[in-house]
Amino acid sequence: MTDAEYVNIWMRPERPARGPKPVYSRAQIAEAAVRIADAEGLEAATMRRIATDIGAGAMSLYRYVPSRDDLVELMADRVMGEIDIAGMPSGDWRADLTRYAEELRAMWLRHPWIATVQRSLPSFGPNQLLVVERLMGVLDAFVSIDENLGLIAILSGYIEGTVREDINSARELHRSGLSESQWMARSHPYIDRLVKSGEYPILMKIVTEARQPHLSRADQFRYGLQRVLDCIAAALPSTTGP
């Protein structure tokens, strides 16, 4: 297979058939890159910086990871390996999907740089594949593979969209120098004027009646997650339980 035929890092053998024996592994490089990105952001995880971290020459690392996209792919798969999927599927689909959602959210919050990674093409990393196998295995006995893909896409979209909003909100607050409560306090006079104007009846109901805005972000996430799981339940045969 020629270089032109490779479309992702997983198609490349980690140990080339020819040349000197590798000194470093993809796992070492990914670990160093994740450590740097966690501390300073994704852009800081350059080949030069990683090489310094592990004591290698910057150019030598391209033997292991040919491109920036390959590096990010390795990093993303490395953090997917943190998701605890042991024992899934357990037979309780709702408990399994709840557990997965909490695990994925926690992983994103530990590694907020993941929110800046834009990937649309499928990933075939070993950790990603294992998660997909276990996750889709939860619903496999109840629905067709196409229905399974659709339901998991709905769940994943909710999790990733919600946690990305949490991460972006935290960044905006950091730039403002305010806590969330301080930001809300400063916004209150303007919101109060909007409510009293009578022009925004839905906003008035949100401000005066809604419980969700007063929940922690974690509890807001769980509230929405249960609504998503209710939708999934409606698509499953009645014999599968709630």
Foldseek 3Di string as FASTA:
>chain_A
DDPVPDDALVVDDQADPDDDGDPDGLLLLLVLQQVQCLVPNNVRSALCVSCVVVVHHSVVCCVRQVDPVRSVLSNVLVLLLQQDLPCAPVLQLLVNLVSRLVSVLVSCVSRVNVLVDDDDDDRDDPSVVVCCCRNLSSCPVWDPPVVSVVLVVLSVCLSSVLSSVVSVVVVVCVVVVHDPVRVCVVCVVVLVVVLVVVPCVVSVCCVPPDDLVVDDSVVNSVVVSVVSVVVVCVVTPPVSDD
